[in-house]
Amino acid sequence: VLDALSAAKGHTALSVIGLPMYFFGGPPARSSGPAVGRLTHRELSPFCEPHFAAVAGVSPSCIWGNPLLVPENTHAVVMTHWARGRSATVYGNGVLEPGLLHVKHYVDIFGERCPPGACVVSDDSATW
């Protein structure tokens, strides 16, 4: 991850990389541990919200609200649903290879909210 970020930053004034987000939930595993050990099913594809992409003026690339950013090149993050880079900086969406880094959103932590039949892909990568 750091190699990809260093290479991107070296070529441009990188401000923000949007990270894809997967909803996690589904049937809880038989574990009394933390949520990352109980909720081990995710959606097949990252969450996409085309409305925010249209407002932000970017393509709907499934990067809603999950910024990895260079603080000195970023203007705002709070209440924008996407981080905003300073003038003359670029958004590095697509810099990281797919699947390398993503955000896990545990939607079923307090009750069933994952859409029926959606959180079906087994992913225990956060368990230890």
Foldseek 3Di string as FASTA:
>chain_A
DVVLVVVVVVVFVAFKEFAFEWEWADQFDPDPDDPLNGTFFTFPDTDWDQVLCVVVVHGGPRRFQHIDGDVVQWDDRPPSRGTHGDPRHDYDYPSDDPPPDHHYHHPDRPHDDQPPPGRHHGGSPVPD
